[in-house]
């Protein structure tokens, strides 16, 4: 039986998976759940404030803190581009530099997937409160968007492996939808077997027009693995400016996508 989660349900997550909750008014009106993942070097508080400002009707918003602390030596460089919060966290298993000396967009997300999928989604939302994966929307910014894509891919791959092993199909393991802002495409997506079924989770990718996040190459990579991929290219002065939406025109495609997903 499905019930609306309470703050007490999340008390056992511990400090390595801190969350901030925003309930709809009244909480009993909850019909969907939104998980928000911040960018590299940020924290959950600004995204909890974003959820309160958007205030989606009937949606319990859960802003999640990345499980790893960003080293002090990298805080200034990371937050200059990605995060403005008072604390600095990330989603990766490690922090690696690529060939250009920049932080690797895909540092591995095994630990974050285990925590978010295992303890937050499965233990609290599914087992304790009776919700399903297709009741859950994902919203990720920067590295948080890359993590959201990796999470969806890993959950779908687990379901495919279970089916191949003869397990009985259960509830859907596809999410209600993903909004990814300024995200890179993780190896969990590109490395999936060609013969594997495409992921059914609908996807909206946002970023500055002309930038890599919404490039034709990125869209092609995603469309090979996701059944439904929409894009929103923002007209900004810099192609590398993939910050959060700043006006109604940039926010509109996000709200339209979420509204469409909430109707289903």
Protein backbone atom coordinates (compact mmCIF):
# COMPACT_ATOMS: atom_id res chain seq x y z
CA UNK A 1 0.00 0.00 0.00
CA UNK A 2 1.35 3.42 -0.97
CA UNK A 3 1.60 6.12 1.68
CA UNK A 4 3.09 9.62 1.76
CA UNK A 5 6.58 9.54 3.31
CA UNK A 6 7.19 11.46 6.50
CA UNK A 7 10.40 13.10 7.71
CA UNK A 8 10.83 10.20 10.12
CA UNK A 9 11.11 7.77 7.19
CA UNK A 10 14.37 9.45 6.11
CA UNK A 11 15.95 9.67 9.55
CA UNK A 12 17.90 6.44 9.09
CA UNK A 13 19.75 7.57 5.94
CA UNK A 14 22.60 9.03 7.97
CA UNK A 15 25.05 11.82 7.27
CA UNK A 16 26.43 10.19 4.11
CA UNK A 17 23.07 10.67 2.37
CA UNK A 18 21.63 13.93 3.66
CA UNK A 19 18.33 15.08 2.16
CA UNK A 20 16.11 18.16 2.36
CA UNK A 21 12.35 17.69 1.90
CA UNK A 22 9.68 19.96 0.46
CA UNK A 23 6.13 18.59 0.76
CA UNK A 24 3.19 19.80 -1.31
CA UNK A 25 0.33 21.48 0.51
CA UNK A 26 -1.32 19.42 1.84
CA UNK A 27 1.23 16.55 2.05
CA UNK A 28 -1.62 14.09 1.48
CA UNK A 29 -1.91 15.42 -2.09
CA UNK A 30 1.44 13.80 -3.03
CA UNK A 31 1.17 11.82 -6.28
CA UNK A 32 4.81 11.90 -7.43
CA UNK A 33 8.33 12.34 -6.08
CA UNK A 34 11.12 14.54 -7.46
CA UNK A 35 14.77 13.82 -6.60
CA UNK A 36 17.12 16.78 -7.15
CA UNK A 37 20.89 16.30 -7.59
CA UNK A 38 23.16 19.36 -7.31
CA UNK A 39 26.27 20.09 -9.35
CA UNK A 40 29.93 19.56 -8.60
CA UNK A 41 31.04 21.50 -5.53
CA UNK A 42 27.56 22.45 -4.36
CA UNK A 43 25.15 21.06 -1.76
CA UNK A 44 21.49 20.21 -1.38
CA UNK A 45 20.32 23.49 0.22
CA UNK A 46 20.17 25.64 -2.97
CA UNK A 47 18.24 22.89 -4.75
CA UNK A 48 15.82 22.57 -1.86
CA UNK A 49 15.22 26.32 -2.23
CA UNK A 50 14.72 25.85 -5.98
CA UNK A 51 12.13 23.13 -5.28
CA UNK A 52 10.28 25.42 -2.88
CA UNK A 53 10.26 28.22 -5.44
CA UNK A 54 8.92 25.98 -8.20
CA UNK A 55 6.46 24.37 -5.75
CA UNK A 56 5.11 21.67 -8.06
CA UNK A 57 1.58 20.66 -7.02
CA UNK A 58 1.28 17.13 -5.71
CA UNK A 59 5.07 16.57 -5.78
CA UNK A 60 7.28 15.70 -2.82
CA UNK A 61 10.68 17.21 -3.68
CA UNK A 62 13.77 15.61 -2.16
CA UNK A 63 17.04 17.49 -2.62
CA UNK A 64 19.91 15.05 -2.09
CA UNK A 65 23.47 15.88 -1.02
CA UNK A 66 26.33 14.26 -2.93
CA UNK A 67 28.00 11.63 -0.73
CA UNK A 68 31.60 12.83 -1.12
CA UNK A 69 33.25 16.02 0.12
CA UNK A 70 35.15 18.12 -2.42
CA UNK A 71 38.79 18.63 -1.33
CA UNK A 72 39.55 22.23 -0.26
CA UNK A 73 42.17 22.57 -3.00
CA UNK A 74 39.44 22.10 -5.64
CA UNK A 75 36.65 24.14 -4.07
CA UNK A 76 37.53 27.50 -5.68
CA UNK A 77 37.90 26.08 -9.20
CA UNK A 78 34.74 23.97 -9.02
CA UNK A 79 32.43 26.51 -7.43
CA UNK A 80 33.50 29.23 -9.85
CA UNK A 81 31.63 27.32 -12.54
CA UNK A 82 29.19 24.98 -10.86
CA UNK A 83 28.23 25.57 -7.25
CA UNK A 84 27.46 28.53 -5.03
CA UNK A 85 26.44 26.74 -1.84
CA UNK A 86 28.20 27.14 1.53
CA UNK A 87 29.28 23.48 1.51
CA UNK A 88 30.90 21.55 -1.31
CA UNK A 89 30.15 17.97 -2.31
CA UNK A 90 30.27 15.74 -5.38
CA UNK A 91 28.79 12.49 -6.72
CA UNK A 92 31.86 10.69 -8.05
CA UNK A 93 33.75 7.71 -6.71
CA UNK A 94 36.93 9.70 -7.29
CA UNK A 95 38.12 13.01 -8.73
CA UNK A 96 40.22 12.52 -11.84
CA UNK A 97 41.76 14.90 -14.35
CA UNK A 98 41.27 14.30 -18.06
CA UNK A 99 43.86 14.85 -20.78
CA UNK A 100 43.19 18.59 -20.79
CA UNK A 101 43.76 18.90 -17.05
CA UNK A 102 40.04 19.35 -16.32
CA UNK A 103 38.03 17.33 -13.82
CA UNK A 104 36.73 14.17 -15.48
CA UNK A 105 32.99 14.34 -16.17
CA UNK A 106 32.63 10.61 -15.52
CA UNK A 107 34.58 9.72 -12.35
CA UNK A 108 32.43 6.64 -11.66
CA UNK A 109 29.24 6.74 -9.61
CA UNK A 110 29.13 3.31 -7.95
CA UNK A 111 28.94 4.58 -4.37
CA UNK A 112 26.35 7.27 -5.13
CA UNK A 113 24.18 4.78 -7.06
CA UNK A 114 24.32 2.31 -4.18
CA UNK A 115 23.30 4.97 -1.67
CA UNK A 116 20.59 6.72 -3.69
CA UNK A 117 19.12 3.63 -5.33
CA UNK A 118 19.63 1.19 -2.48
CA UNK A 119 18.94 3.23 0.63
CA UNK A 120 16.80 6.14 -0.55
CA UNK A 121 14.72 4.73 -3.39
CA UNK A 122 14.48 1.02 -2.60
CA UNK A 123 14.61 1.00 1.20
CA UNK A 124 12.59 4.15 1.94
CA UNK A 125 10.40 5.00 -1.04
CA UNK A 126 9.68 1.51 -2.44
CA UNK A 127 9.82 -0.93 0.47
CA UNK A 128 8.83 1.32 3.36
CA UNK A 129 6.32 3.61 1.62
CA UNK A 130 5.09 1.56 -1.37
CA UNK A 131 6.10 3.87 -4.24
CA UNK A 132 7.45 2.70 -7.61
CA UNK A 133 10.30 3.85 -9.81
CA UNK A 134 7.85 5.27 -12.33
CA UNK A 135 6.48 7.54 -9.59
CA UNK A 136 9.92 9.22 -9.36
CA UNK A 137 11.29 12.10 -11.45
CA UNK A 138 15.01 12.93 -11.49
CA UNK A 139 16.37 16.50 -11.82
CA UNK A 140 20.13 16.90 -12.10
CA UNK A 141 22.45 19.83 -12.74
CA UNK A 142 26.01 19.51 -14.07
CA UNK A 143 27.62 16.48 -12.45
CA UNK A 144 24.26 15.83 -10.77
CA UNK A 145 22.69 15.51 -14.23
CA UNK A 146 25.43 13.09 -15.30
CA UNK A 147 24.75 11.10 -12.14
CA UNK A 148 20.99 11.05 -12.87
CA UNK A 149 21.68 9.52 -16.30
CA UNK A 150 24.03 6.95 -14.76
CA UNK A 151 21.47 6.10 -12.08
CA UNK A 152 18.71 5.48 -14.65
CA UNK A 153 21.06 3.37 -16.77
CA UNK A 154 22.22 1.27 -13.83
CA UNK A 155 18.68 0.66 -12.59
CA UNK A 156 17.54 -0.39 -16.08
CA UNK A 157 20.59 -2.63 -16.55
CA UNK A 158 19.88 -4.36 -13.24
CA UNK A 159 16.30 -5.05 -14.32
CA UNK A 160 17.48 -6.42 -17.69
CA UNK A 161 20.01 -8.70 -15.99
CA UNK A 162 17.37 -9.98 -13.57
CA UNK A 163 15.02 -10.75 -16.45
CA UNK A 164 17.78 -12.58 -18.32
CA UNK A 165 18.42 -14.66 -15.21
CA UNK A 166 14.78 -15.74 -15.17
CA UNK A 167 13.50 -13.50 -12.41
CA UNK A 168 9.82 -12.68 -12.60
CA UNK A 169 9.15 -9.13 -13.83
CA UNK A 170 8.03 -6.83 -11.07
CA UNK A 171 7.08 -3.19 -11.06
CA UNK A 172 8.60 -0.90 -13.64
CA UNK A 173 12.26 0.00 -13.13
CA UNK A 174 11.99 3.02 -15.43
CA UNK A 175 11.74 6.47 -13.86
CA UNK A 176 8.91 8.86 -14.63
CA UNK A 177 11.37 11.20 -16.33
CA UNK A 178 14.76 12.94 -16.14
CA UNK A 179 15.67 16.61 -16.51
CA UNK A 180 19.44 16.94 -17.03
CA UNK A 181 20.98 20.43 -17.22
CA UNK A 182 24.49 20.83 -18.60
CA UNK A 183 25.21 17.14 -18.12
CA UNK A 184 27.80 14.89 -19.73
CA UNK A 185 26.92 11.42 -21.04
CA UNK A 186 28.30 8.82 -18.58
CA UNK A 187 29.85 5.49 -19.52
CA UNK A 188 26.92 3.75 -17.84
CA UNK A 189 24.90 4.98 -20.84
CA UNK A 190 27.43 4.74 -23.67
CA UNK A 191 28.84 1.43 -22.45
CA UNK A 192 25.52 -0.42 -22.41
CA UNK A 193 25.44 -3.45 -24.75
CA UNK A 194 24.16 -2.57 -28.22
CA UNK A 195 21.62 -5.38 -28.09
CA UNK A 196 20.22 -4.27 -24.74
CA UNK A 197 16.76 -2.67 -24.75
CA UNK A 198 16.75 1.10 -24.84
CA UNK A 199 15.86 2.86 -21.60
CA UNK A 200 12.19 3.80 -21.47
CA UNK A 201 12.67 6.72 -19.05
CA UNK A 202 11.80 9.97 -20.94
CA UNK A 203 14.64 12.49 -20.95
CA UNK A 204 14.92 16.28 -21.31
CA UNK A 205 18.44 17.67 -21.79
CA UNK A 206 19.03 21.41 -21.33
CA UNK A 207 22.02 23.65 -21.95
CA UNK A 208 23.44 26.61 -23.82
CA UNK A 209 22.86 26.47 -27.57
CA UNK A 210 26.08 25.52 -29.31
CA UNK A 211 27.45 23.85 -26.20
CA UNK A 212 28.37 20.20 -25.77
CA UNK A 213 25.45 19.42 -23.45
CA UNK A 214 22.92 19.82 -26.29
CA UNK A 215 25.21 19.11 -29.26
CA UNK A 216 24.18 16.80 -32.08
CA UNK A 217 26.80 14.30 -30.91
CA UNK A 218 25.38 14.26 -27.39
CA UNK A 219 21.82 13.89 -28.66
CA UNK A 220 22.87 10.99 -30.89
CA UNK A 221 24.60 9.21 -28.00
CA UNK A 222 21.52 9.58 -25.82
CA UNK A 223 19.05 8.55 -28.54
CA UNK A 224 20.93 5.30 -29.03
CA UNK A 225 20.09 4.34 -25.45
CA UNK A 226 16.91 6.30 -24.53
CA UNK A 227 13.60 5.84 -26.32
CA UNK A 228 12.53 9.47 -25.78
CA UNK A 229 15.02 12.38 -25.79
CA UNK A 230 13.96 16.04 -25.86
CA UNK A 231 16.33 19.01 -25.79
CA UNK A 232 16.10 22.67 -24.75
CA UNK A 233 18.88 24.87 -26.15
CA UNK A 234 19.19 28.18 -24.31
CA UNK A 235 20.40 31.30 -26.11
CA UNK A 236 23.25 32.58 -23.93
CA UNK A 237 26.34 34.69 -24.51
CA UNK A 238 28.66 31.74 -23.92
CA UNK A 239 28.27 28.21 -25.25
CA UNK A 240 29.82 26.99 -22.00
CA UNK A 241 27.27 28.75 -19.81
CA UNK A 242 25.20 25.81 -18.60
CA UNK A 243 23.99 27.38 -15.37
CA UNK A 244 20.54 26.84 -13.91
CA UNK A 245 17.56 28.40 -15.78
CA UNK A 246 17.37 32.16 -15.23
CA UNK A 247 14.13 33.28 -16.81
CA UNK A 248 10.69 32.14 -17.89
CA UNK A 249 11.79 31.23 -21.42
CA UNK A 250 14.47 28.87 -20.09
CA UNK A 251 12.23 27.39 -17.41
CA UNK A 252 9.21 26.87 -19.69
CA UNK A 253 10.38 23.67 -21.48
CA UNK A 254 11.32 22.17 -18.12
CA UNK A 255 7.88 22.89 -16.65
CA UNK A 256 6.16 21.61 -19.79
CA UNK A 257 8.16 18.38 -19.67
CA UNK A 258 7.44 17.84 -15.97
CA UNK A 259 3.74 18.66 -16.39
CA UNK A 260 3.47 16.13 -19.21
CA UNK A 261 5.18 13.47 -17.11
CA UNK A 262 2.95 14.19 -14.09
CA UNK A 263 -0.16 13.63 -16.19
CA UNK A 264 0.87 10.03 -16.79
